[in-house]
């Protein structure tokens, strides 16, 4: 079942305002628990964790910055 444009915008907002801060806390606790000694491994860990969070939500965020495709087309005489 595909989400409508408005539903995807709401889910994206919910993910950014609620889910991302929770993920940041969990990722930082995980990174400090693992605590590798190498700076390079630590950097790779944070980069990997920074990329992993977006993969499940890729379809939700795709096209959010575009105009609503379901909105009626505006004509020149409708412009304010």
N, C-alpha and C. Protein backbone atom coordinates (compact mmCIF):
# COMPACT_ATOMS: atom_id res chain seq x y z
N UNK A 1 0.84 -1.18 0.00
CA UNK A 1 0.00 0.00 0.00
C UNK A 1 0.89 1.25 0.00
N UNK A 2 0.73 2.08 -0.98
CA UNK A 2 1.52 3.29 -1.10
C UNK A 2 0.88 4.41 -0.28
N UNK A 3 1.73 5.19 0.36
CA UNK A 3 1.24 6.32 1.14
C UNK A 3 0.99 7.51 0.22
N UNK A 4 0.01 8.31 0.58
CA UNK A 4 -0.24 9.52 -0.18
C UNK A 4 0.87 10.53 0.13
N UNK A 5 0.90 11.59 -0.64
CA UNK A 5 1.92 12.62 -0.46
C UNK A 5 1.83 13.24 0.92
N UNK A 6 0.62 13.57 1.36
CA UNK A 6 0.44 14.19 2.69
C UNK A 6 0.83 13.23 3.80
N UNK A 7 0.50 11.95 3.64
CA UNK A 7 0.85 10.97 4.66
C UNK A 7 2.37 10.80 4.74
N UNK A 8 3.03 10.78 3.57
CA UNK A 8 4.50 10.68 3.58
C UNK A 8 5.13 11.90 4.24
N UNK A 9 4.58 13.08 4.01
CA UNK A 9 5.11 14.29 4.66
C UNK A 9 4.95 14.21 6.17
N UNK A 10 3.81 13.71 6.63
CA UNK A 10 3.59 13.58 8.08
C UNK A 10 4.51 12.54 8.69
N UNK A 11 4.68 11.41 8.02
CA UNK A 11 5.57 10.37 8.53
C UNK A 11 7.01 10.88 8.54
N UNK A 12 7.42 11.60 7.51
CA UNK A 12 8.78 12.14 7.46
C UNK A 12 9.00 13.13 8.60
N UNK A 13 8.02 13.96 8.88
CA UNK A 13 8.13 14.91 9.98
C UNK A 13 8.22 14.18 11.32
N UNK A 14 7.42 13.15 11.49
CA UNK A 14 7.46 12.35 12.72
C UNK A 14 8.82 11.67 12.88
N UNK A 15 9.34 11.14 11.81
CA UNK A 15 10.66 10.48 11.86
C UNK A 15 11.74 11.49 12.25
N UNK A 16 11.70 12.68 11.66
CA UNK A 16 12.73 13.67 11.94
C UNK A 16 12.62 14.26 13.34
N UNK A 17 11.41 14.48 13.83
CA UNK A 17 11.24 15.11 15.13
C UNK A 17 11.28 14.15 16.31
N UNK A 18 10.89 12.91 16.10
CA UNK A 18 10.83 11.95 17.21
C UNK A 18 11.85 10.83 17.01
N UNK A 19 11.83 10.21 15.85
CA UNK A 19 12.66 9.04 15.63
C UNK A 19 14.15 9.34 15.56
N UNK A 20 14.53 10.41 14.91
CA UNK A 20 15.94 10.72 14.76
C UNK A 20 16.62 11.05 16.09
N UNK A 21 16.03 11.87 16.96
CA UNK A 21 16.68 12.08 18.27
C UNK A 21 16.82 10.80 19.09
N UNK A 22 15.84 9.93 19.02
CA UNK A 22 15.94 8.65 19.73
C UNK A 22 17.06 7.81 19.13
N UNK A 23 17.15 7.78 17.80
CA UNK A 23 18.20 7.02 17.15
C UNK A 23 19.57 7.59 17.50
N UNK A 24 19.70 8.89 17.57
CA UNK A 24 20.97 9.51 17.92
C UNK A 24 21.40 9.08 19.32
N UNK A 25 20.47 9.07 20.26
CA UNK A 25 20.80 8.62 21.62
C UNK A 25 21.24 7.16 21.63
N UNK A 26 20.50 6.31 20.94
CA UNK A 26 20.84 4.88 20.90
C UNK A 26 22.19 4.68 20.21
N UNK A 27 22.43 5.38 19.11
CA UNK A 27 23.69 5.24 18.38
C UNK A 27 24.87 5.72 19.22
N UNK A 28 24.70 6.82 19.95
CA UNK A 28 25.81 7.32 20.77
C UNK A 28 26.10 6.38 21.94
N UNK A 29 25.05 5.79 22.54
CA UNK A 29 25.27 4.81 23.59
C UNK A 29 25.98 3.58 23.03
N UNK A 30 25.56 3.13 21.86
CA UNK A 30 26.19 1.99 21.22
C UNK A 30 27.65 2.29 20.91
N UNK A 31 27.94 3.47 20.39
CA UNK A 31 29.31 3.83 20.03
C UNK A 31 30.19 3.95 21.26
N UNK A 32 29.67 4.48 22.36
CA UNK A 32 30.49 4.58 23.57
C UNK A 32 30.64 3.23 24.25
N UNK A 33 29.68 2.34 24.06
CA UNK A 33 29.80 0.99 24.62
C UNK A 33 30.87 0.20 23.89
N UNK A 34 30.89 0.31 22.57
CA UNK A 34 31.91 -0.38 21.79
C UNK A 34 33.27 0.27 22.02
N UNK A 35 33.32 1.58 21.97
CA UNK A 35 34.51 2.40 22.23
C UNK A 35 35.79 1.84 21.63
N UNK A 36 35.90 1.81 20.30
CA UNK A 36 37.16 1.34 19.70
C UNK A 36 38.30 2.31 19.99
N UNK A 37 39.52 1.77 20.05
CA UNK A 37 40.68 2.59 20.38
C UNK A 37 41.17 3.40 19.18
N UNK A 38 40.93 2.93 18.00
CA UNK A 38 41.41 3.60 16.80
C UNK A 38 40.46 4.74 16.41
N UNK A 39 41.05 5.86 16.04
CA UNK A 39 40.26 7.01 15.61
C UNK A 39 39.57 6.70 14.29
N UNK A 40 40.24 5.98 13.41
CA UNK A 40 39.67 5.65 12.11
C UNK A 40 38.46 4.72 12.27
N UNK A 41 38.55 3.75 13.16
CA UNK A 41 37.42 2.84 13.39
C UNK A 41 36.25 3.60 14.01
N UNK A 42 36.55 4.52 14.92
CA UNK A 42 35.49 5.34 15.51
C UNK A 42 34.80 6.19 14.45
N UNK A 43 35.58 6.80 13.58
CA UNK A 43 35.03 7.61 12.49
C UNK A 43 34.16 6.76 11.58
N UNK A 44 34.64 5.59 11.20
CA UNK A 44 33.85 4.70 10.34
C UNK A 44 32.57 4.25 11.03
N UNK A 45 32.64 4.03 12.34
CA UNK A 45 31.45 3.63 13.10
C UNK A 45 30.39 4.73 13.05
N UNK A 46 30.80 5.97 13.31
CA UNK A 46 29.84 7.08 13.29
C UNK A 46 29.30 7.36 11.88
N UNK A 47 30.14 7.24 10.88
CA UNK A 47 29.67 7.42 9.49
C UNK A 47 28.68 6.32 9.14
N UNK A 48 29.00 5.09 9.50
CA UNK A 48 28.09 3.97 9.23
C UNK A 48 26.76 4.14 9.94
N UNK A 49 26.79 4.53 11.21
CA UNK A 49 25.54 4.75 11.94
C UNK A 49 24.77 5.93 11.38
N UNK A 50 25.48 6.91 10.84
CA UNK A 50 24.80 8.06 10.24
C UNK A 50 24.10 7.73 8.94
N UNK A 51 24.59 6.72 8.24
CA UNK A 51 23.97 6.32 6.98
C UNK A 51 22.87 5.29 7.21
N UNK A 52 23.05 4.42 8.18
CA UNK A 52 22.12 3.31 8.39
C UNK A 52 20.71 3.78 8.74
N UNK A 53 20.56 4.89 9.44
CA UNK A 53 19.22 5.30 9.89
C UNK A 53 18.30 5.66 8.73
N UNK A 54 18.86 6.13 7.62
CA UNK A 54 18.02 6.60 6.52
C UNK A 54 17.53 5.47 5.62
N UNK A 55 18.22 4.35 5.60
CA UNK A 55 17.87 3.27 4.67
C UNK A 55 16.42 2.78 4.80
N UNK A 56 15.89 2.55 6.01
CA UNK A 56 14.50 2.11 6.07
C UNK A 56 13.49 3.18 5.66
N UNK A 57 13.88 4.45 5.72
CA UNK A 57 12.95 5.54 5.44
C UNK A 57 13.19 6.19 4.09
N UNK A 58 13.98 5.57 3.25
CA UNK A 58 14.30 6.15 1.95
C UNK A 58 13.05 6.43 1.12
N UNK A 59 12.11 5.49 1.12
CA UNK A 59 10.90 5.68 0.32
C UNK A 59 9.99 6.76 0.90
N UNK A 60 10.06 6.98 2.20
CA UNK A 60 9.23 8.01 2.83
C UNK A 60 9.73 9.39 2.44
N UNK A 61 11.05 9.58 2.43
CA UNK A 61 11.61 10.90 2.16
C UNK A 61 11.73 11.22 0.67
N UNK A 62 11.57 10.24 -0.18
CA UNK A 62 11.74 10.46 -1.61
C UNK A 62 10.63 11.35 -2.15
N UNK A 63 11.00 12.48 -2.71
CA UNK A 63 10.05 13.40 -3.33
C UNK A 63 9.34 14.34 -2.39
N UNK A 64 9.73 14.39 -1.12
CA UNK A 64 9.05 15.25 -0.16
C UNK A 64 9.27 16.73 -0.48
N UNK A 65 10.41 17.09 -1.02
CA UNK A 65 10.70 18.48 -1.33
C UNK A 65 10.04 18.98 -2.60
N UNK A 66 9.39 18.10 -3.33
CA UNK A 66 8.74 18.47 -4.59
C UNK A 66 7.32 18.97 -4.33
N UNK A 67 6.71 19.52 -5.34
CA UNK A 67 5.31 19.96 -5.24
C UNK A 67 4.41 18.73 -5.14
N UNK A 68 3.25 18.92 -4.53
CA UNK A 68 2.28 17.83 -4.35
C UNK A 68 1.79 17.36 -5.72
N UNK A 69 2.05 16.11 -6.07
CA UNK A 69 1.62 15.63 -7.39
C UNK A 69 0.10 15.45 -7.48
N UNK A 70 -0.58 15.34 -6.36
CA UNK A 70 -2.03 15.16 -6.36
C UNK A 70 -2.80 16.48 -6.35
N UNK A 71 -2.10 17.58 -6.18
CA UNK A 71 -2.77 18.88 -6.13
C UNK A 71 -3.24 19.25 -7.53
N UNK A 72 -4.34 19.99 -7.60
CA UNK A 72 -4.81 20.43 -8.92
C UNK A 72 -3.81 21.40 -9.54
N UNK A 73 -3.68 21.32 -10.83
CA UNK A 73 -2.74 22.19 -11.54
C UNK A 73 -3.23 23.63 -11.48
N UNK A 74 -2.29 24.55 -11.28
CA UNK A 74 -2.66 25.97 -11.23
C UNK A 74 -2.64 26.55 -12.64
N UNK A 75 -3.65 27.33 -12.92
CA UNK A 75 -3.70 28.02 -14.20
C UNK A 75 -3.25 29.44 -14.00
N UNK A 76 -2.93 30.12 -15.10
CA UNK A 76 -2.43 31.47 -14.99
C UNK A 76 -3.45 32.41 -14.36
N UNK A 77 -4.74 32.23 -14.63
CA UNK A 77 -5.74 33.13 -14.07
C UNK A 77 -6.02 32.82 -12.61
N UNK A 78 -5.51 31.71 -12.06
CA UNK A 78 -5.67 31.37 -10.65
C UNK A 78 -4.56 31.93 -9.78
N UNK A 79 -3.51 32.46 -10.40
CA UNK A 79 -2.37 32.96 -9.63
C UNK A 79 -2.81 34.18 -8.83
N UNK A 80 -2.33 34.27 -7.62
CA UNK A 80 -2.70 35.45 -6.79
C UNK A 80 -2.00 36.71 -7.24
